[in-house]
Amino acid sequence: MVRKSLDRIQAPVFAGAAFSNSVADITPIAIPLWLAALGMEPLLIGLVVGARYVGPLIFSIQGGALMDRLGARRVMIVFSVLATVVPIIYPYAGWLPFVLCLQFVGGLSESLCWTGSQTISNQVSNGDPQFAGRMIACTRMGTLIAPPFAGFIMEYVGYYGGFIAMSIWGVGTLVSVILIPSSALVSRTSQETRLVDELIPKISDYLSTVKLLAVPIIGTMMAVTSIRQVGSSMQSSFYALHLENSGISETTIGFLIATNGLSGIAAIWTGLFARYLKMDTLLFWSVGFSVISIGLVPFSDNLVFLFCLSAIRGFSLAVSVALLLAILAREVSGGVQGRIIGLRMTCHQVWNVFIPVLLGSLVQLGGIKIGFYFVATLSVLILVCLRRRY
């Protein structure tokens, strides 16, 4: 029965995951370069980029709880509509507070769509690393296509082309979610309830979710996934700006980010890797390499070097997230998968808000090299400490 459900929904689930996840590969090109074109200083760029993750930081747990009660598909449809509409408003945002509001709503929509994709995957996979690996491999196909597409549009249409690409990816997420048959998913935990009642944040949801951190394996996995996200925060803020200042075109920047997706397709073999190495050991090593590979970017502007770093990062990211999802799916029941993914996304957003601001301050004070080297070194040291205590 489980196998039959997987066969029925895997295509739209994988497509939805590819679209919802790879929007985050368009924003590092579209938003920072647009802000730089407006003449913003590094610290202010860091603040605006960080604002995109304030919504997910506050509401990821509530969003996960909503998916447990109302169904991930239902929630994803609402937020994929927002993910389609919000990007095309950016060009008309001539007021900084309005830009910050768009960042808040856009980031929340992007995050909850990806949370929904992970929730559905965990609900139907029962911790199968092969299924998780296939899903992550499909997200890397999105990463392979989205950044070059956005970079090409921006290079020939202008900075606003990046927002067009973001909106197109929102449409892709919406169509994919609609095609997921609701009958094949885990039933909602509350059938008779008003949507407006469920939208109101409940302290009990946050308390019950945070209590999951008391489980040692879950607490450790949340710390590891937080360190993993540091590299993504670095890429989403000043990666594209550094490359553009080095004379690299928007299209080439897109292909560099797309290399993350190409090498990340190797996640399809996560199940095979797990046969020969303990999943937790493989997880720590892959997270470490993902941070180091982004931290070394300012070392050289040689394209071969940059593409190699991007390939290492893409492979490490893909394998690590597949392992994280598989481990978490085994440790918690299907009825709280939305909450556990919401907790994971909340841990991510803490760094997504903090790292761009910290990096912007370091860049403005000492330059891009000091910023990247400092953040990457600190992250690896924390990861080493976690591994020793694990």
Protein backbone atom coordinates (compact mmCIF):
# COMPACT_ATOMS: atom_id res chain seq x y z
CA MET A 1 0.00 0.00 0.00
CA VAL A 2 2.85 2.38 0.87
CA ARG A 3 4.63 1.47 -2.34
CA LYS A 4 1.47 2.18 -4.31
CA SER A 5 1.11 5.60 -2.67
CA LEU A 6 4.70 6.43 -3.49
CA ASP A 7 4.21 5.50 -7.13
CA ARG A 8 1.11 7.68 -7.40
CA ILE A 9 2.51 10.86 -5.93
CA GLN A 10 6.26 10.81 -6.45
CA ALA A 11 6.24 12.72 -9.77
CA PRO A 12 4.27 15.78 -8.54
CA VAL A 13 5.98 15.65 -5.12
CA PHE A 14 9.41 15.66 -6.72
CA ALA A 15 8.40 18.43 -9.13
CA GLY A 16 6.99 20.54 -6.30
CA ALA A 17 10.17 20.01 -4.31
CA ALA A 18 12.30 21.03 -7.30
CA PHE A 19 10.40 24.28 -7.86
CA SER A 20 9.91 25.25 -4.19
CA ASN A 21 13.51 24.54 -3.24
CA SER A 22 15.22 26.16 -6.22
CA VAL A 23 13.53 29.54 -5.75
CA ALA A 24 16.19 29.95 -3.08
CA ASP A 25 18.79 29.60 -5.86
CA ILE A 26 17.29 32.50 -7.79
CA THR A 27 17.07 34.96 -4.90
CA PRO A 28 20.88 35.13 -4.31
CA ILE A 29 21.20 36.49 -7.84
CA ALA A 30 18.05 38.58 -8.11
CA ILE A 31 17.83 40.40 -4.79
CA PRO A 32 21.43 41.33 -3.81
CA LEU A 33 22.33 42.49 -7.33
CA TRP A 34 19.14 44.54 -7.52
CA LEU A 35 19.88 46.13 -4.14
CA ALA A 36 23.45 46.89 -5.20
CA ALA A 37 22.14 48.52 -8.38
CA LEU A 38 20.03 50.77 -6.16
CA GLY A 39 23.26 51.89 -4.44
CA MET A 40 22.81 50.22 -1.05
CA GLU A 41 25.84 49.70 1.21
CA PRO A 42 26.89 46.16 2.28
CA LEU A 43 25.48 46.43 5.81
CA LEU A 44 22.09 47.58 4.54
CA ILE A 45 22.08 44.86 1.88
CA GLY A 46 22.74 42.34 4.64
CA LEU A 47 19.82 43.72 6.67
CA VAL A 48 17.42 43.52 3.71
CA VAL A 49 18.54 40.00 2.78
CA GLY A 50 18.22 38.91 6.40
CA ALA A 51 14.69 40.34 6.56
CA ARG A 52 13.60 37.68 4.08
CA TYR A 53 14.00 35.05 6.76
CA VAL A 54 12.29 36.79 9.68
CA GLY A 55 8.89 35.41 8.63
CA PRO A 56 10.11 31.82 8.44
CA LEU A 57 11.95 32.27 11.74
CA ILE A 58 8.74 33.27 13.51
CA PHE A 59 6.20 31.07 11.72
CA SER A 60 8.01 27.92 10.54
CA ILE A 61 6.85 25.93 13.57
CA GLN A 62 3.30 27.25 13.21
CA GLY A 63 3.43 26.44 9.51
CA GLY A 64 4.52 22.88 10.26
CA ALA A 65 1.72 22.51 12.80
CA LEU A 66 -0.75 23.86 10.23
CA MET A 67 0.37 21.16 7.81
CA ASP A 68 -0.10 18.45 10.42
CA ARG A 69 -3.66 19.62 11.09
CA LEU A 70 -4.87 20.95 7.72
CA GLY A 71 -2.68 18.95 5.37
CA ALA A 72 0.54 20.05 3.68
CA ARG A 73 -1.08 20.19 0.25
CA ARG A 74 -3.74 22.67 1.34
CA VAL A 75 -1.22 24.99 3.00
CA MET A 76 1.19 24.78 0.07
CA ILE A 77 -1.47 25.88 -2.43
CA VAL A 78 -2.07 29.12 -0.50
CA PHE A 79 1.59 30.00 -0.15
CA SER A 80 2.56 29.02 -3.68
CA VAL A 81 0.02 31.60 -4.90
CA LEU A 82 1.80 34.20 -2.77
CA ALA A 83 5.16 33.00 -4.09
CA THR A 84 3.86 33.70 -7.60
CA VAL A 85 2.47 37.18 -6.95
CA VAL A 86 4.94 38.78 -4.52
CA PRO A 87 8.08 38.78 -6.74
CA ILE A 88 6.49 40.84 -9.51
CA ILE A 89 5.75 43.63 -7.00
CA TYR A 90 9.43 44.27 -6.17
CA PRO A 91 10.15 46.63 -9.10
CA TYR A 92 7.44 48.96 -7.78
CA ALA A 93 8.78 49.00 -4.20
CA GLY A 94 10.46 52.38 -4.02
CA TRP A 95 10.27 52.58 -0.24
CA LEU A 96 12.59 50.57 2.04
CA PRO A 97 9.88 49.52 4.56
CA PHE A 98 7.82 48.19 1.63
CA VAL A 99 10.83 46.19 0.40
CA LEU A 100 11.22 44.75 3.90
CA CYS A 101 7.53 43.75 3.91
CA LEU A 102 7.92 42.02 0.55
CA GLN A 103 10.98 40.21 1.88
CA PHE A 104 8.98 39.07 4.92
CA VAL A 105 6.04 37.70 2.91
CA GLY A 106 8.15 36.34 0.06
CA GLY A 107 10.55 34.55 2.38
CA LEU A 108 7.70 33.02 4.39
CA SER A 109 5.98 31.78 1.22
CA GLU A 110 9.19 30.29 -0.15
CA SER A 111 10.02 28.60 3.15
CA LEU A 112 6.59 27.08 3.78
CA CYS A 113 6.36 25.69 0.26
CA TRP A 114 9.67 23.90 0.75
CA THR A 115 8.57 22.82 4.25
CA GLY A 116 5.43 21.34 2.71
CA SER A 117 7.43 19.40 0.14
CA GLN A 118 9.64 17.93 2.86
CA THR A 119 6.64 17.13 5.04
CA ILE A 120 4.87 15.23 2.27
CA SER A 121 8.07 13.37 1.42
CA ASN A 122 8.61 12.31 5.04
CA GLN A 123 4.98 11.30 5.51
CA VAL A 124 5.06 8.82 2.65
CA SER A 125 8.68 7.62 2.69
CA ASN A 126 8.85 6.17 6.23
CA GLY A 127 12.50 7.15 6.51
CA ASP A 128 13.58 5.45 3.30
CA PRO A 129 16.94 7.11 2.39
CA GLN A 130 16.51 6.04 -1.24
CA PHE A 131 13.25 7.98 -1.59
CA ALA A 132 14.74 10.97 0.23
CA GLY A 133 17.78 10.82 -2.04
CA ARG A 134 15.59 10.79 -5.15
CA MET A 135 13.60 13.77 -3.88
CA ILE A 136 16.74 15.78 -3.13
CA ALA A 137 18.21 14.81 -6.50
CA CYS A 138 15.11 16.31 -8.13
CA THR A 139 15.55 19.53 -6.15
CA ARG A 140 19.07 19.69 -7.57
CA MET A 141 17.62 19.49 -11.05
CA GLY A 142 15.74 22.66 -10.11
CA THR A 143 19.01 24.21 -8.93
CA LEU A 144 20.62 23.19 -12.21
CA ILE A 145 18.01 25.02 -14.28
CA ALA A 146 16.83 27.98 -12.17
CA PRO A 147 20.01 30.09 -11.66
CA PRO A 148 21.19 30.11 -15.32
CA PHE A 149 17.63 30.90 -16.40
CA ALA A 150 17.43 33.81 -13.95
CA GLY A 151 20.95 35.01 -14.80
CA PHE A 152 20.24 34.94 -18.52
CA ILE A 153 17.04 36.97 -18.13
CA MET A 154 18.80 39.49 -15.89
CA GLU A 155 21.70 39.91 -18.26
CA TYR A 156 19.49 40.64 -21.26
CA VAL A 157 16.36 42.15 -19.67
CA GLY A 158 17.78 43.84 -16.58
CA TYR A 159 17.77 43.27 -12.84
CA TYR A 160 13.97 42.94 -12.82
CA GLY A 161 14.30 39.74 -14.85
CA GLY A 162 15.25 37.90 -11.67
CA PHE A 163 11.85 38.66 -10.16
CA ILE A 164 10.15 37.35 -13.29
CA ALA A 165 12.04 34.08 -12.85
CA MET A 166 10.99 33.87 -9.19
CA SER A 167 7.34 34.30 -10.18
CA ILE A 168 7.58 31.60 -12.86
CA TRP A 169 8.98 29.20 -10.28
CA GLY A 170 6.05 30.05 -8.01
CA VAL A 171 3.68 29.00 -10.79
CA GLY A 172 5.60 25.75 -11.16
CA THR A 173 5.20 25.03 -7.45
CA LEU A 174 1.47 25.79 -7.56
CA VAL A 175 0.79 23.50 -10.54
CA SER A 176 2.84 20.68 -9.01
CA VAL A 177 0.99 20.88 -5.69
CA ILE A 178 -2.40 20.87 -7.38
CA LEU A 179 -1.44 17.65 -9.18
CA ILE A 180 -0.67 15.84 -5.90
CA PRO A 181 -3.70 13.61 -5.12
CA SER A 182 -4.85 14.46 -1.60
CA SER A 183 -6.19 10.93 -1.11
CA ALA A 184 -2.64 9.52 -1.22
CA LEU A 185 -1.38 11.61 1.70
CA VAL A 186 -1.48 11.15 5.48
CA SER A 187 -4.85 12.23 6.84
CA ARG A 188 -5.11 15.53 8.67
CA THR A 189 -5.19 15.32 12.44
CA SER A 190 -8.16 17.70 12.69
CA GLN A 191 -11.03 17.33 10.28
CA GLU A 192 -13.60 19.67 11.78
CA THR A 193 -11.97 23.06 12.24
CA ARG A 194 -12.13 26.51 10.74
CA LEU A 195 -9.16 27.68 8.70
CA VAL A 196 -9.15 31.07 10.45
CA ASP A 197 -8.83 29.29 13.82
CA GLU A 198 -5.86 27.28 12.63
CA LEU A 199 -4.06 30.36 11.28
CA ILE A 200 -3.83 31.87 14.75
CA PRO A 201 -0.47 30.88 16.29
CA LYS A 202 -0.84 28.65 19.34
CA ILE A 203 1.69 28.67 22.16
CA SER A 204 1.03 24.95 22.64
CA ASP A 205 2.31 24.24 19.11
CA TYR A 206 5.57 26.03 19.81
CA LEU A 207 6.02 24.40 23.22
CA SER A 208 5.30 20.89 21.96
CA THR A 209 7.68 21.39 19.05
CA VAL A 210 10.52 22.89 21.09
CA LYS A 211 10.19 19.98 23.54
CA LEU A 212 11.38 17.72 20.72
CA LEU A 213 14.83 19.26 21.20
CA ALA A 214 15.05 17.36 24.48
CA VAL A 215 15.46 14.16 22.46
CA PRO A 216 19.27 13.97 22.08
CA ILE A 217 19.34 12.84 18.46
CA ILE A 218 16.85 15.53 17.40
CA GLY A 219 18.70 18.26 19.30
CA THR A 220 21.95 17.26 17.62
CA MET A 221 20.39 17.11 14.16
CA MET A 222 18.92 20.59 14.63
CA ALA A 223 22.36 21.94 15.57
CA VAL A 224 23.94 20.25 12.55
CA THR A 225 21.30 21.52 10.13
CA SER A 226 21.86 25.02 11.52
CA ILE A 227 25.58 24.86 10.70
CA ARG A 228 24.75 23.49 7.27
CA GLN A 229 22.59 26.55 6.64
CA VAL A 230 25.43 28.99 7.34
CA GLY A 231 26.92 28.34 3.89
CA SER A 232 23.55 28.91 2.24
CA SER A 233 23.20 32.21 4.09
CA MET A 234 26.61 33.27 2.81
CA GLN A 235 25.61 32.38 -0.74
CA SER A 236 22.26 34.13 -0.51
CA SER A 237 23.81 37.42 0.58
CA PHE A 238 27.25 38.32 -0.81
CA TYR A 239 28.25 35.46 -3.12
CA ALA A 240 26.81 36.99 -6.30
CA LEU A 241 27.99 40.48 -5.37
CA HIS A 242 31.56 39.28 -4.93
CA LEU A 243 31.49 37.48 -8.27
CA GLU A 244 29.98 40.45 -10.11
CA ASN A 245 32.60 42.76 -8.61
CA SER A 246 35.21 40.30 -9.90
CA GLY A 247 33.94 40.82 -13.45
CA ILE A 248 31.84 37.67 -13.76
CA SER A 249 28.57 38.03 -15.70
CA GLU A 250 25.12 37.27 -14.30
CA THR A 251 24.73 34.29 -16.65
CA THR A 252 28.04 32.80 -15.50
CA ILE A 253 27.05 33.38 -11.87
CA GLY A 254 23.88 31.47 -12.64
CA PHE A 255 25.86 28.56 -14.05
CA LEU A 256 28.13 28.57 -10.99
CA ILE A 257 25.12 28.21 -8.71
CA ALA A 258 23.63 25.67 -11.11
CA THR A 259 26.71 23.52 -10.62
CA ASN A 260 25.40 22.99 -7.09
CA GLY A 261 22.42 21.31 -8.69
CA LEU A 262 24.38 19.26 -11.21
CA SER A 263 26.68 17.71 -8.60
CA GLY A 264 23.79 17.49 -6.15
CA ILE A 265 22.03 14.95 -8.36
CA ALA A 266 24.44 12.49 -6.72
CA ALA A 267 22.03 12.53 -3.77
CA ILE A 268 20.14 9.84 -5.65
CA TRP A 269 22.86 7.48 -4.41
CA THR A 270 22.46 8.47 -0.75
CA GLY A 271 20.94 5.08 0.02
CA LEU A 272 24.00 3.40 -1.50
CA PHE A 273 26.42 5.58 0.47
CA ALA A 274 24.53 4.76 3.68
CA ARG A 275 25.24 1.05 3.16
CA TYR A 276 28.97 1.57 3.55
CA LEU A 277 29.19 4.51 5.98
CA LYS A 278 27.20 5.31 9.09
CA MET A 279 24.64 7.95 8.24
CA ASP A 280 25.68 10.27 11.07
CA THR A 281 29.38 10.10 10.10
CA LEU A 282 28.57 10.85 6.47
CA LEU A 283 26.31 13.70 7.61
CA PHE A 284 28.99 15.50 9.64
CA TRP A 285 31.59 15.22 6.87
CA SER A 286 29.22 16.42 4.16
CA VAL A 287 28.10 19.43 6.22
CA GLY A 288 31.73 20.35 6.90
CA PHE A 289 32.66 20.26 3.23
CA SER A 290 29.59 22.32 2.30
CA VAL A 291 30.72 25.17 4.60
CA ILE A 292 34.41 25.01 3.64
CA SER A 293 33.62 25.11 -0.09
CA ILE A 294 31.71 28.40 0.19
CA GLY A 295 34.20 29.91 2.63
CA LEU A 296 37.07 29.50 0.13
CA VAL A 297 35.29 31.38 -2.68
CA PRO A 298 37.23 34.69 -2.21
CA PHE A 299 40.56 32.81 -2.36
CA SER A 300 40.66 33.02 -6.18
CA ASP A 301 38.61 34.42 -9.08
CA ASN A 302 39.69 31.56 -11.37
CA LEU A 303 36.56 30.10 -12.93
CA VAL A 304 37.82 26.51 -12.85
CA PHE A 305 38.50 26.89 -9.13
CA LEU A 306 35.09 28.44 -8.51
CA PHE A 307 33.27 25.73 -10.47
CA CYS A 308 35.13 23.02 -8.49
CA LEU A 309 34.11 24.64 -5.21
CA SER A 310 30.52 24.87 -6.41
CA ALA A 311 30.50 21.19 -7.39
CA ILE A 312 31.86 20.12 -3.99
CA ARG A 313 29.31 22.29 -2.25
CA GLY A 314 26.39 20.98 -4.30
CA PHE A 315 27.32 17.34 -3.69
CA SER A 316 27.82 17.93 0.05
CA LEU A 317 24.58 19.88 0.45
CA ALA A 318 22.48 17.32 -1.37
CA VAL A 319 23.81 14.30 0.49
CA SER A 320 23.58 16.05 3.87
CA VAL A 321 19.96 17.12 3.50
CA ALA A 322 18.90 13.67 2.29
CA LEU A 323 20.57 12.14 5.35
CA LEU A 324 18.98 14.70 7.66
CA LEU A 325 15.50 13.96 6.32
CA ALA A 326 16.03 10.22 6.54
CA ILE A 327 17.31 10.39 10.13
CA LEU A 328 14.51 12.70 11.25
CA ALA A 329 11.84 10.58 9.54
CA ARG A 330 13.03 7.57 11.52
CA GLU A 331 13.07 9.37 14.85
CA VAL A 332 9.56 10.91 14.88
CA SER A 333 6.08 9.67 14.04
CA GLY A 334 4.21 10.68 10.91
CA GLY A 335 1.76 12.83 12.89
CA VAL A 336 4.44 15.36 13.85
CA GLN A 337 6.51 15.41 10.67
CA GLY A 338 5.26 18.90 9.89
CA ARG A 339 6.40 20.11 13.30
CA ILE A 340 9.84 18.53 13.04
CA ILE A 341 10.39 20.05 9.60
CA GLY A 342 9.08 23.36 10.94
CA LEU A 343 11.62 23.13 13.76
CA ARG A 344 14.37 22.40 11.24
CA MET A 345 13.36 25.39 9.14
CA THR A 346 13.26 27.61 12.25
CA CYS A 347 16.84 26.63 13.06
CA HIS A 348 17.74 27.54 9.49
CA GLN A 349 16.12 30.94 9.70
CA VAL A 350 18.04 31.94 12.83
CA TRP A 351 21.21 31.84 10.74
CA ASN A 352 19.53 33.23 7.62
CA VAL A 353 18.61 36.36 9.59
CA PHE A 354 21.89 36.65 11.52
CA ILE A 355 24.60 35.64 9.01
CA PRO A 356 23.83 38.24 6.27
CA VAL A 357 23.95 41.03 8.85
CA LEU A 358 27.17 39.71 10.40
CA LEU A 359 28.72 39.15 6.99
CA GLY A 360 27.62 42.59 5.79
CA SER A 361 29.28 44.18 8.81
CA LEU A 362 32.51 42.25 8.25
CA VAL A 363 32.53 43.04 4.53
CA GLN A 364 31.99 46.74 5.17
CA LEU A 365 34.73 46.82 7.82
CA GLY A 366 37.37 44.46 6.42
CA GLY A 367 36.40 43.23 2.98
CA ILE A 368 34.87 40.10 1.48
CA LYS A 369 37.79 37.77 2.30
CA ILE A 370 37.76 38.49 6.02
CA GLY A 371 33.98 38.08 6.11
CA PHE A 372 33.91 34.72 4.32
CA TYR A 373 36.95 33.24 6.08
CA PHE A 374 35.79 34.25 9.56
CA VAL A 375 32.24 32.90 9.22
CA ALA A 376 33.32 29.62 7.59
CA THR A 377 36.09 28.96 10.14
CA LEU A 378 33.80 29.62 13.11
CA SER A 379 31.14 27.30 11.65
CA VAL A 380 33.56 24.42 11.12
CA LEU A 381 34.90 24.75 14.67
CA ILE A 382 31.35 24.51 16.06
CA LEU A 383 30.68 21.46 13.88
CA VAL A 384 33.83 19.74 15.19
CA CYS A 385 32.67 20.37 18.76
CA LEU A 386 29.25 18.88 17.97
CA ARG A 387 30.83 15.78 16.49
CA ARG A 388 33.00 15.21 19.56
CA ARG A 389 29.99 15.46 21.85
CA TYR A 390 27.74 13.31 19.64
